[in-house]
Amino acid sequence: MKNVKRMIFSGAVVSVCAFSAIAAAAGMNRNKNDGELPASAKISKDTPVIVLDAGHGGIDGGCSSADGVPEKGINLSILLKLRDMLEISGYDVVVTRDTDTSIHDKGIEGIAQQKSSDMDNRLAIFNDNDNAVCISIHQNQFTQPQYHGAQMFYSATNPESESLARAMKSSFTKLLQPDNQREIKQCGKELFLCYFSKNPTVMVECGFLSNPEEAALLSTDDYQAKVAFTIFSGISEFIASA
């Protein structure tokens, strides 16, 4: 398995002012009726490690927008922004990849075999810590272009995954997509990482690249930062309520 970038940070609770600064940097606007910005869970030895996965990578581009923008780069950009926010808050963060690459074992030949090895290695990272929260970042696609909005997928193999998915859905509705009516959805073995992860895990489909308007947003640095902050807030909400 390739080396995994692991960052360990000590730190106390980040103040509401610091969170406001992060939100401002992400370009977030908060409705007066939405309440306070989410506060960080208290960082302690019992706080979960946050494992972040940017879906696809390398030869595997994932889905693409009508303009040919591949999913893999959007996923990675959101992950890197989210990692920075979590690190500033004092979390111990692990990522499956921080460059445009597959993490399959060396010497593996053939796309199918490389993909299988890549997924096995990502799952090993998800399950490496007994106390972790795992987020896999993806983009959606459908044959009809009118569909849009983020959606969360989780597995029943860990009972806390549903709560994590609900916290993430709540964060997207409050902060970024107030009209999003998409429900969280339980997955099966077809979503390999979610299903076989031992830790609370959610696949975040941030939006539809098949929707021209949403694809255009997701291709911008500003909107990617907003998505990253929204995921960050969902993680914080889940940990604070645990």
Protein backbone atom coordinates (compact mmCIF):
# COMPACT_ATOMS: atom_id res chain seq x y z
CA MET A 1 0.00 0.00 0.00
CA LYS A 2 1.22 3.46 -0.75
CA ASN A 3 2.04 5.82 2.08
CA VAL A 4 -0.94 7.61 3.54
CA LYS A 5 -0.57 11.24 4.54
CA ARG A 6 -1.44 11.49 8.22
CA MET A 7 -1.60 14.78 10.07
CA ILE A 8 -1.82 14.92 13.85
CA PHE A 9 -2.66 18.23 15.46
CA SER A 10 -3.10 19.19 19.06
CA GLY A 11 -5.48 21.94 19.91
CA ALA A 12 -8.39 23.16 21.93
CA VAL A 13 -11.86 24.09 20.84
CA VAL A 14 -11.86 26.59 18.01
CA SER A 15 -13.86 29.68 18.94
CA VAL A 16 -17.04 30.75 17.19
CA CYS A 17 -15.03 33.67 15.79
CA ALA A 18 -12.57 31.25 14.21
CA PHE A 19 -15.42 29.28 12.68
CA SER A 20 -16.90 32.51 11.38
CA ALA A 21 -13.57 33.25 9.71
CA ILE A 22 -13.56 29.82 8.09
CA ALA A 23 -17.13 30.31 6.93
CA ALA A 24 -16.28 33.72 5.53
CA ALA A 25 -13.34 32.26 3.67
CA ALA A 26 -15.70 29.68 2.20
CA GLY A 27 -18.12 32.41 1.20
CA MET A 28 -20.93 31.06 3.39
CA ASN A 29 -23.94 33.22 4.17
CA ARG A 30 -26.03 32.31 7.20
CA ASN A 31 -29.70 33.12 7.61
CA LYS A 32 -30.43 34.95 10.87
CA ASN A 33 -32.93 32.27 11.80
CA ASP A 34 -30.50 29.42 11.33
CA GLY A 35 -28.85 29.91 14.74
CA GLU A 36 -25.15 29.94 15.46
CA LEU A 37 -22.52 28.48 13.22
CA PRO A 38 -21.66 24.93 14.28
CA ALA A 39 -19.12 24.77 17.08
CA SER A 40 -16.31 22.26 17.08
CA ALA A 41 -16.61 19.17 19.19
CA LYS A 42 -14.15 19.27 22.06
CA ILE A 43 -10.89 17.80 20.86
CA SER A 44 -9.68 15.10 23.23
CA LYS A 45 -8.08 11.69 23.15
CA ASP A 46 -11.55 10.24 22.59
CA THR A 47 -12.34 12.42 19.57
CA PRO A 48 -12.54 10.27 16.43
CA VAL A 49 -9.90 10.34 13.74
CA ILE A 50 -11.41 11.84 10.58
CA VAL A 51 -10.71 9.75 7.48
CA LEU A 52 -11.32 11.51 4.16
CA ASP A 53 -11.54 9.82 0.78
CA ALA A 54 -11.55 11.63 -2.56
CA GLY A 55 -13.31 9.21 -4.89
CA HIS A 56 -11.53 7.96 -8.01
CA GLY A 57 -8.12 9.29 -9.10
CA GLY A 58 -5.41 8.54 -11.63
CA ILE A 59 -6.72 6.73 -14.68
CA ASP A 60 -10.14 6.49 -13.03
CA GLY A 61 -11.73 9.87 -13.58
CA GLY A 62 -15.20 8.97 -12.32
CA CYS A 63 -18.13 10.67 -14.02
CA SER A 64 -17.75 13.86 -16.03
CA SER A 65 -19.71 17.01 -16.71
CA ALA A 66 -21.05 17.81 -20.17
CA ASP A 67 -17.98 20.02 -20.58
CA GLY A 68 -15.72 17.08 -19.85
CA VAL A 69 -14.65 18.07 -16.32
CA PRO A 70 -13.87 14.80 -14.48
CA GLU A 71 -15.21 14.07 -11.04
CA LYS A 72 -11.84 13.04 -9.60
CA GLY A 73 -10.41 16.57 -9.53
CA ILE A 74 -13.49 18.10 -7.93
CA ASN A 75 -13.48 15.42 -5.25
CA LEU A 76 -9.83 16.06 -4.47
CA SER A 77 -10.20 19.83 -4.34
CA ILE A 78 -13.08 19.56 -1.86
CA LEU A 79 -11.12 17.06 0.24
CA LEU A 80 -8.05 19.30 0.49
CA LYS A 81 -10.14 22.27 1.60
CA LEU A 82 -12.03 20.13 4.10
CA ARG A 83 -8.79 18.68 5.46
CA ASP A 84 -7.48 22.20 6.10
CA MET A 85 -10.61 23.17 8.01
CA LEU A 86 -10.46 20.04 10.15
CA GLU A 87 -6.76 20.44 10.84
CA ILE A 88 -7.27 24.06 11.94
CA SER A 89 -9.87 22.75 14.38
CA GLY A 90 -7.40 20.29 15.92
CA TYR A 91 -8.66 17.05 14.42
CA ASP A 92 -6.42 14.10 13.58
CA VAL A 93 -6.98 13.72 9.82
CA VAL A 94 -6.13 10.85 7.49
CA VAL A 95 -6.64 11.00 3.72
CA THR A 96 -6.68 8.18 1.22
CA ARG A 97 -5.06 10.38 -1.43
CA ASP A 98 -3.93 13.99 -1.68
CA THR A 99 -2.85 13.92 -5.34
CA ASP A 100 -4.37 12.74 -8.63
CA THR A 101 -3.47 9.10 -8.25
CA SER A 102 -4.77 5.61 -7.71
CA ILE A 103 -3.48 3.92 -4.55
CA HIS A 104 -3.32 0.42 -5.97
CA ASP A 105 -0.37 -1.78 -5.04
CA LYS A 106 2.73 -1.52 -7.19
CA GLY A 107 3.06 -4.16 -9.86
CA ILE A 108 -0.68 -4.57 -10.41
CA GLU A 109 -1.53 -4.54 -14.11
CA GLY A 110 -4.87 -4.06 -15.83
CA ILE A 111 -7.46 -1.41 -15.03
CA ALA A 112 -9.88 -3.79 -13.32
CA GLN A 113 -7.16 -5.27 -11.11
CA GLN A 114 -5.79 -1.82 -10.26
CA LYS A 115 -9.25 -0.60 -9.32
CA SER A 116 -9.81 -3.63 -7.08
CA SER A 117 -6.46 -3.11 -5.35
CA ASP A 118 -7.16 0.62 -5.00
CA MET A 119 -10.51 -0.03 -3.29
CA ASP A 120 -9.02 -2.66 -1.00
CA ASN A 121 -6.35 -0.19 0.10
CA ARG A 122 -8.88 2.58 0.69
CA LEU A 123 -10.97 0.24 2.82
CA ALA A 124 -7.89 -0.73 4.83
CA ILE A 125 -7.34 2.97 5.59
CA PHE A 126 -10.99 3.34 6.63
CA ASN A 127 -10.66 0.39 9.01
CA ASP A 128 -7.15 1.18 10.30
CA ASN A 129 -8.48 3.09 13.30
CA ASP A 130 -10.97 1.70 15.81
CA ASN A 131 -12.26 5.21 16.52
CA ALA A 132 -12.82 7.01 13.23
CA VAL A 133 -15.40 8.88 11.20
CA CYS A 134 -15.08 8.22 7.47
CA ILE A 135 -16.25 10.46 4.63
CA SER A 136 -16.01 9.52 0.96
CA ILE A 137 -16.45 12.49 -1.38
CA HIS A 138 -18.07 11.94 -4.78
CA GLN A 139 -20.17 13.64 -7.45
CA ASN A 140 -23.39 12.26 -8.91
CA GLN A 141 -24.62 11.75 -12.45
CA PHE A 142 -27.91 10.81 -14.07
CA THR A 143 -29.27 10.40 -17.59
CA GLN A 144 -31.67 13.33 -17.15
CA PRO A 145 -30.06 16.73 -16.52
CA GLN A 146 -32.72 18.30 -14.29
CA TYR A 147 -31.71 16.40 -11.14
CA HIS A 148 -29.51 18.25 -8.68
CA GLY A 149 -28.51 18.45 -5.03
CA ALA A 150 -26.34 16.55 -2.58
CA GLN A 151 -27.32 13.13 -1.27
CA MET A 152 -25.87 10.96 1.49
CA PHE A 153 -25.41 7.20 1.33
CA TYR A 154 -24.73 5.00 4.35
CA SER A 155 -24.67 1.34 5.31
CA ALA A 156 -26.51 -0.43 8.10
CA THR A 157 -23.32 -2.37 8.90
CA ASN A 158 -22.49 0.36 11.45
CA PRO A 159 -25.48 1.76 13.39
CA GLU A 160 -23.89 5.22 13.71
CA SER A 161 -23.61 5.70 9.95
CA GLU A 162 -27.26 6.66 9.62
CA SER A 163 -26.84 9.38 12.28
CA LEU A 164 -23.78 10.68 10.44
CA ALA A 165 -25.75 10.76 7.18
CA ARG A 166 -28.60 12.67 8.86
CA ALA A 167 -26.17 15.21 10.34
CA MET A 168 -24.60 15.69 6.91
CA LYS A 169 -27.99 16.08 5.23
CA SER A 170 -28.99 18.62 7.89
CA SER A 171 -25.82 20.62 7.29
CA PHE A 172 -26.39 20.80 3.53
CA THR A 173 -29.98 21.91 4.03
CA LYS A 174 -29.08 24.59 6.59
CA LEU A 175 -25.98 26.01 4.97
CA LEU A 176 -25.91 25.38 1.24
CA GLN A 177 -29.00 23.84 -0.35
CA PRO A 178 -32.14 24.91 1.57
CA ASP A 179 -34.42 23.49 -1.14
CA ASN A 180 -32.73 20.09 -1.21
CA GLN A 181 -35.41 17.43 -0.69
CA ARG A 182 -33.19 14.41 -1.26
CA GLU A 183 -33.40 11.81 1.48
CA ILE A 184 -30.44 9.91 2.88
CA LYS A 185 -30.24 6.45 1.33
CA GLN A 186 -29.07 3.11 2.67
CA CYS A 187 -26.62 1.32 0.39
CA GLY A 188 -25.64 -2.27 -0.17
CA LYS A 189 -22.45 -3.99 -1.22
CA GLU A 190 -22.40 -1.99 -4.46
CA LEU A 191 -20.89 0.87 -2.45
CA PHE A 192 -17.85 -1.08 -1.32
CA LEU A 193 -16.27 1.43 1.07
CA CYS A 194 -19.51 2.33 2.82
CA TYR A 195 -20.71 -1.22 3.20
CA PHE A 196 -17.51 -2.82 4.47
CA SER A 197 -16.23 0.03 6.62
CA LYS A 198 -16.30 -0.84 10.32
CA ASN A 199 -16.52 2.81 11.36
CA PRO A 200 -19.33 5.34 10.89
CA THR A 201 -19.13 6.10 7.19
CA VAL A 202 -21.00 8.22 4.67
CA MET A 203 -20.57 8.69 0.95
CA VAL A 204 -21.33 12.34 0.19
CA GLU A 205 -22.55 12.84 -3.37
CA CYS A 206 -22.04 16.61 -3.44
CA GLY A 207 -24.08 17.30 -6.55
CA PHE A 208 -24.90 16.22 -10.10
CA LEU A 209 -22.34 16.78 -12.83
CA SER A 210 -25.12 15.90 -15.28
CA ASN A 211 -26.90 19.11 -14.25
CA PRO A 212 -25.25 21.99 -16.19
CA GLU A 213 -25.86 24.64 -13.53
CA GLU A 214 -24.65 22.49 -10.64
CA ALA A 215 -21.68 21.21 -12.64
CA ALA A 216 -20.63 24.80 -13.32
CA LEU A 217 -20.80 25.60 -9.61
CA LEU A 218 -18.92 22.47 -8.58
CA SER A 219 -16.11 23.38 -10.97
CA THR A 220 -15.39 26.64 -9.13
CA ASP A 221 -13.02 27.04 -6.21
CA ASP A 222 -15.52 29.20 -4.33
CA TYR A 223 -18.33 26.65 -4.39
CA GLN A 224 -15.96 23.80 -3.58
CA ALA A 225 -14.96 25.72 -0.43
CA LYS A 226 -18.63 26.09 0.49
CA VAL A 227 -19.17 22.35 0.05
CA ALA A 228 -16.09 21.61 2.15
CA PHE A 229 -17.34 23.84 4.96
CA THR A 230 -20.78 22.22 4.80
CA ILE A 231 -19.25 18.75 5.18
CA PHE A 232 -17.04 20.05 7.98
CA SER A 233 -20.13 21.34 9.78
CA GLY A 234 -21.88 18.00 9.38
CA ILE A 235 -18.93 16.17 10.90
CA SER A 236 -18.81 18.61 13.81
CA GLU A 237 -22.55 18.26 14.40
CA PHE A 238 -22.30 14.45 14.45
CA ILE A 239 -19.36 14.39 16.87
CA ALA A 240 -20.91 17.00 19.17
CA SER A 241 -24.12 14.98 19.44
CA ALA A 242 -22.39 11.63 20.06
